[in-house]
Amino acid sequence: MAKFPMTPRGQQALKDELKRLREVERPKNVRDIEEARAHGDLKENAEYHAAKERQGFIEGRSRDIEAILAQAEVIDPGKLSGTKVVFGATVKLTDTDSGEDVTYAIVGDHEADIKAGRIAVSAPLARAMIGRERGESVTVKTGKGMREYQITDVRFIAS
């Protein structure tokens, strides 16, 4: 079974979601099903069918999270160091065309959030940066064409 990297923050977020699904969503769903059953005929009971569908989602998502956590290799970026871009690094980039600066943390696939500045290790930009050092440039194909970035800083921050 292949392991995949994850930060402690990502692991905790999944554990919190699993706990919420088990302790809040599942009991609420059970009550919803019981209430819908009390309305009588189940064939034409939209509330019952919606609650059963929600139950399927909750159980499926719970199993998915359990599998993800079982396969995760938790890596704490705060314990890493060096000058090369690796999983867990927070990288400051400068767009060589516009001069615009952006900062991204390279995280696991299940914790990526571009709006929060976290990109998946499997993302094209992250793959282009892995193994590079401060001062090097990377070129990546985007929806707007080829973009070139200069790596201006590589840091390791505890998540």
C-alpha atoms as a PDB file:
ATOM      1  CA  MET A   1       0.000   0.000   0.000  1.00  0.00           C
ATOM      2  CA  ALA A   2       1.517   3.278  -1.102  1.00  0.00           C
ATOM      3  CA  LYS A   3       1.889   6.014   1.481  1.00  0.00           C
ATOM      4  CA  PHE A   4       1.362   9.637   0.583  1.00  0.00           C
ATOM      5  CA  PRO A   5       2.585  12.749   2.386  1.00  0.00           C
ATOM      6  CA  MET A   6       0.410  14.899   4.630  1.00  0.00           C
ATOM      7  CA  THR A   7       1.126  17.672   7.105  1.00  0.00           C
ATOM      8  CA  PRO A   8      -0.025  17.447  10.735  1.00  0.00           C
ATOM      9  CA  ARG A   9      -2.534  20.233   9.969  1.00  0.00           C
ATOM     10  CA  GLY A  10      -4.040  18.161   7.147  1.00  0.00           C
ATOM     11  CA  GLN A  11      -4.191  15.062   9.329  1.00  0.00           C
ATOM     12  CA  GLN A  12      -5.942  16.973  12.117  1.00  0.00           C
ATOM     13  CA  ALA A  13      -8.463  18.498   9.689  1.00  0.00           C
ATOM     14  CA  LEU A  14      -9.400  15.020   8.438  1.00  0.00           C
ATOM     15  CA  LYS A  15      -9.654  13.662  11.996  1.00  0.00           C
ATOM     16  CA  ASP A  16     -11.918  16.594  12.923  1.00  0.00           C
ATOM     17  CA  GLU A  17     -14.132  15.989   9.884  1.00  0.00           C
ATOM     18  CA  LEU A  18     -14.372  12.268  10.693  1.00  0.00           C
ATOM     19  CA  LYS A  19     -15.293  13.043  14.303  1.00  0.00           C
ATOM     20  CA  ARG A  20     -17.988  15.522  13.153  1.00  0.00           C
ATOM     21  CA  LEU A  21     -19.413  12.961  10.714  1.00  0.00           C
ATOM     22  CA  ARG A  22     -19.553  10.247  13.383  1.00  0.00           C
ATOM     23  CA  GLU A  23     -20.680  12.289  16.381  1.00  0.00           C
ATOM     24  CA  VAL A  24     -22.884  14.973  14.822  1.00  0.00           C
ATOM     25  CA  GLU A  25     -23.934  14.157  11.262  1.00  0.00           C
ATOM     26  CA  ARG A  26     -24.608  10.415  11.693  1.00  0.00           C
ATOM     27  CA  PRO A  27     -26.863  10.762  14.804  1.00  0.00           C
ATOM     28  CA  LYS A  28     -28.756  13.664  13.186  1.00  0.00           C
ATOM     29  CA  ASN A  29     -29.240  11.580  10.049  1.00  0.00           C
ATOM     30  CA  VAL A  30     -30.568   8.643  12.091  1.00  0.00           C
ATOM     31  CA  ARG A  31     -33.131  10.974  13.690  1.00  0.00           C
ATOM     32  CA  ASP A  32     -34.069  12.343  10.246  1.00  0.00           C
ATOM     33  CA  ILE A  33     -34.654   8.801   8.920  1.00  0.00           C
ATOM     34  CA  GLU A  34     -36.771   7.877  11.944  1.00  0.00           C
ATOM     35  CA  GLU A  35     -38.837  11.033  11.576  1.00  0.00           C
ATOM     36  CA  ALA A  36     -39.345  10.451   7.845  1.00  0.00           C
ATOM     37  CA  ARG A  37     -40.390   6.819   8.483  1.00  0.00           C
ATOM     38  CA  ALA A  38     -43.051   8.067  10.875  1.00  0.00           C
ATOM     39  CA  HIS A  39     -44.716   9.922   7.998  1.00  0.00           C
ATOM     40  CA  GLY A  40     -45.890   6.643   6.498  1.00  0.00           C
ATOM     41  CA  ASP A  41     -45.544   5.339   2.936  1.00  0.00           C
ATOM     42  CA  LEU A  42     -41.817   5.174   2.136  1.00  0.00           C
ATOM     43  CA  LYS A  43     -42.254   4.816  -1.644  1.00  0.00           C
ATOM     44  CA  GLU A  44     -43.350   8.412  -2.097  1.00  0.00           C
ATOM     45  CA  ASN A  45     -41.586   9.914   0.908  1.00  0.00           C
ATOM     46  CA  ALA A  46     -39.034  12.433  -0.418  1.00  0.00           C
ATOM     47  CA  GLU A  47     -37.738  13.237   3.073  1.00  0.00           C
ATOM     48  CA  TYR A  48     -36.973   9.564   3.690  1.00  0.00           C
ATOM     49  CA  HIS A  49     -35.161   9.166   0.363  1.00  0.00           C
ATOM     50  CA  ALA A  50     -33.142  12.351   0.960  1.00  0.00           C
ATOM     51  CA  ALA A  51     -32.160  11.157   4.444  1.00  0.00           C
ATOM     52  CA  LYS A  52     -31.139   7.728   3.099  1.00  0.00           C
ATOM     53  CA  GLU A  53     -29.068   9.424   0.392  1.00  0.00           C
ATOM     54  CA  ARG A  54     -27.412  11.606   3.027  1.00  0.00           C
ATOM     55  CA  GLN A  55     -26.704   8.472   5.076  1.00  0.00           C
ATOM     56  CA  GLY A  56     -24.891   6.963   2.080  1.00  0.00           C
ATOM     57  CA  PHE A  57     -22.805  10.095   1.690  1.00  0.00           C
ATOM     58  CA  ILE A  58     -21.879  10.182   5.397  1.00  0.00           C
ATOM     59  CA  GLU A  59     -20.865   6.514   5.451  1.00  0.00           C
ATOM     60  CA  GLY A  60     -18.920   6.792   2.172  1.00  0.00           C
ATOM     61  CA  ARG A  61     -17.061   9.918   3.240  1.00  0.00           C
ATOM     62  CA  SER A  62     -16.234   8.336   6.617  1.00  0.00           C
ATOM     63  CA  ARG A  63     -14.722   5.297   4.877  1.00  0.00           C
ATOM     64  CA  ASP A  64     -12.776   7.552   2.496  1.00  0.00           C
ATOM     65  CA  ILE A  65     -11.296   9.556   5.376  1.00  0.00           C
ATOM     66  CA  GLU A  66     -10.366   6.387   7.281  1.00  0.00           C
ATOM     67  CA  ALA A  67      -8.554   5.057   4.187  1.00  0.00           C
ATOM     68  CA  ILE A  68      -6.748   8.358   3.633  1.00  0.00           C
ATOM     69  CA  LEU A  69      -5.594   8.503   7.260  1.00  0.00           C
ATOM     70  CA  ALA A  70      -4.440   4.873   7.128  1.00  0.00           C
ATOM     71  CA  GLN A  71      -2.269   5.594   4.082  1.00  0.00           C
ATOM     72  CA  ALA A  72      -0.944   8.983   5.203  1.00  0.00           C
ATOM     73  CA  GLU A  73       2.698   9.601   5.989  1.00  0.00           C
ATOM     74  CA  VAL A  74       2.633  12.629   8.285  1.00  0.00           C
ATOM     75  CA  ILE A  75       5.571  14.981   7.746  1.00  0.00           C
ATOM     76  CA  ASP A  76       5.986  18.027   9.981  1.00  0.00           C
ATOM     77  CA  PRO A  77       7.448  20.906   7.928  1.00  0.00           C
ATOM     78  CA  GLY A  78       8.722  22.512  11.159  1.00  0.00           C
ATOM     79  CA  LYS A  79      11.197  19.646  11.540  1.00  0.00           C
ATOM     80  CA  LEU A  80      12.582  20.043   8.018  1.00  0.00           C
ATOM     81  CA  SER A  81      15.369  22.331   6.893  1.00  0.00           C
ATOM     82  CA  GLY A  82      17.543  23.009   3.908  1.00  0.00           C
ATOM     83  CA  THR A  83      17.590  25.103   0.807  1.00  0.00           C
ATOM     84  CA  LYS A  84      15.816  22.797  -1.657  1.00  0.00           C
ATOM     85  CA  VAL A  85      12.092  22.837  -2.289  1.00  0.00           C
ATOM     86  CA  VAL A  86      10.544  19.644  -0.899  1.00  0.00           C
ATOM     87  CA  PHE A  87       7.171  18.585   0.487  1.00  0.00           C
ATOM     88  CA  GLY A  88       6.237  20.909   3.357  1.00  0.00           C
ATOM     89  CA  ALA A  89       8.265  23.875   2.120  1.00  0.00           C
ATOM     90  CA  THR A  90       6.740  27.337   1.979  1.00  0.00           C
ATOM     91  CA  VAL A  91       8.020  28.911  -1.216  1.00  0.00           C
ATOM     92  CA  LYS A  92       7.928  32.565  -2.230  1.00  0.00           C
ATOM     93  CA  LEU A  93       7.846  33.043  -5.993  1.00  0.00           C
ATOM     94  CA  THR A  94       8.115  36.087  -8.202  1.00  0.00           C
ATOM     95  CA  ASP A  95       6.407  36.073 -11.591  1.00  0.00           C
ATOM     96  CA  THR A  96       9.184  37.094 -13.983  1.00  0.00           C
ATOM     97  CA  ASP A  97       6.730  38.838 -16.336  1.00  0.00           C
ATOM     98  CA  SER A  98       4.587  40.836 -13.915  1.00  0.00           C
ATOM     99  CA  GLY A  99       6.929  41.011 -10.897  1.00  0.00           C
ATOM    100  CA  GLU A 100       4.035  39.824  -8.724  1.00  0.00           C
ATOM    101  CA  ASP A 101       4.988  37.824  -5.606  1.00  0.00           C
ATOM    102  CA  VAL A 102       3.070  34.749  -4.456  1.00  0.00           C
ATOM    103  CA  THR A 103       3.732  32.364  -1.579  1.00  0.00           C
ATOM    104  CA  TYR A 104       2.658  28.727  -1.502  1.00  0.00           C
ATOM    105  CA  ALA A 105       3.076  25.921   0.993  1.00  0.00           C
ATOM    106  CA  ILE A 106       3.472  22.511  -0.630  1.00  0.00           C
ATOM    107  CA  VAL A 107       1.062  20.123   1.089  1.00  0.00           C
ATOM    108  CA  GLY A 108      -0.671  16.784   0.549  1.00  0.00           C
ATOM    109  CA  ASP A 109      -3.338  16.314  -2.098  1.00  0.00           C
ATOM    110  CA  HIS A 110      -6.188  16.160   0.438  1.00  0.00           C
ATOM    111  CA  GLU A 111      -5.314  19.436   2.159  1.00  0.00           C
ATOM    112  CA  ALA A 112      -4.637  21.724  -0.795  1.00  0.00           C
ATOM    113  CA  ASP A 113      -6.450  25.070  -0.821  1.00  0.00           C
ATOM    114  CA  ILE A 114      -5.155  27.552  -3.372  1.00  0.00           C
ATOM    115  CA  LYS A 115      -7.031  30.456  -1.734  1.00  0.00           C
ATOM    116  CA  ALA A 116      -5.219  29.721   1.535  1.00  0.00           C
ATOM    117  CA  GLY A 117      -1.852  29.474  -0.247  1.00  0.00           C
ATOM    118  CA  ARG A 118      -1.547  25.670  -0.031  1.00  0.00           C
ATOM    119  CA  ILE A 119      -0.891  23.742  -3.245  1.00  0.00           C
ATOM    120  CA  ALA A 120      -0.865  19.980  -3.641  1.00  0.00           C
ATOM    121  CA  VAL A 121       2.488  18.276  -4.048  1.00  0.00           C
ATOM    122  CA  SER A 122       1.048  16.749  -7.234  1.00  0.00           C
ATOM    123  CA  ALA A 123       0.149  20.144  -8.765  1.00  0.00           C
ATOM    124  CA  PRO A 124       2.159  21.125 -11.858  1.00  0.00           C
ATOM    125  CA  LEU A 125       3.713  24.165 -10.155  1.00  0.00           C
ATOM    126  CA  ALA A 126       4.743  22.144  -7.099  1.00  0.00           C
ATOM    127  CA  ARG A 127       6.203  19.369  -9.267  1.00  0.00           C
ATOM    128  CA  ALA A 128       8.191  21.991 -11.195  1.00  0.00           C
ATOM    129  CA  MET A 129       9.601  23.446  -7.955  1.00  0.00           C
ATOM    130  CA  ILE A 130      10.549  20.187  -6.185  1.00  0.00           C
ATOM    131  CA  GLY A 131      14.328  19.871  -5.973  1.00  0.00           C
ATOM    132  CA  ARG A 132      14.989  23.480  -6.971  1.00  0.00           C
ATOM    133  CA  GLU A 133      16.659  26.105  -4.772  1.00  0.00           C
ATOM    134  CA  ARG A 134      16.379  29.820  -4.067  1.00  0.00           C
ATOM    135  CA  GLY A 135      17.407  31.845  -7.118  1.00  0.00           C
ATOM    136  CA  GLU A 136      16.404  29.201  -9.644  1.00  0.00           C
ATOM    137  CA  SER A 137      13.513  29.716 -12.019  1.00  0.00           C
ATOM    138  CA  VAL A 138      10.713  27.343 -12.941  1.00  0.00           C
ATOM    139  CA  THR A 139       8.463  27.353 -15.966  1.00  0.00           C
ATOM    140  CA  VAL A 140       4.972  25.928 -15.784  1.00  0.00           C
ATOM    141  CA  LYS A 141       2.170  25.653 -18.319  1.00  0.00           C
ATOM    142  CA  THR A 142      -1.015  27.328 -17.101  1.00  0.00           C
ATOM    143  CA  GLY A 143      -4.371  28.160 -18.621  1.00  0.00           C
ATOM    144  CA  LYS A 144      -2.892  31.531 -19.591  1.00  0.00           C
ATOM    145  CA  GLY A 145       0.107  29.956 -21.342  1.00  0.00           C
ATOM    146  CA  MET A 146       3.641  29.404 -20.090  1.00  0.00           C
ATOM    147  CA  ARG A 147       4.521  31.232 -16.870  1.00  0.00           C
ATOM    148  CA  GLU A 148       8.007  31.629 -15.443  1.00  0.00           C
ATOM    149  CA  TYR A 149       8.630  32.111 -11.744  1.00  0.00           C
ATOM    150  CA  GLN A 150      11.789  32.904  -9.816  1.00  0.00           C
ATOM    151  CA  ILE A 151      12.126  31.135  -6.444  1.00  0.00           C
ATOM    152  CA  THR A 152      12.942  33.972  -4.034  1.00  0.00           C
ATOM    153  CA  ASP A 153      12.621  32.177  -0.686  1.00  0.00           C
ATOM    154  CA  VAL A 154      12.307  28.650   0.722  1.00  0.00           C
ATOM    155  CA  ARG A 155      11.192  28.242   4.350  1.00  0.00           C
ATOM    156  CA  PHE A 156       9.953  25.436   6.554  1.00  0.00           C
ATOM    157  CA  ILE A 157       7.165  26.515   8.890  1.00  0.00           C
ATOM    158  CA  ALA A 158       5.448  24.220  11.390  1.00  0.00           C
ATOM    159  CA  SER A 159       1.849  23.660  10.398  1.00  0.00           C
END
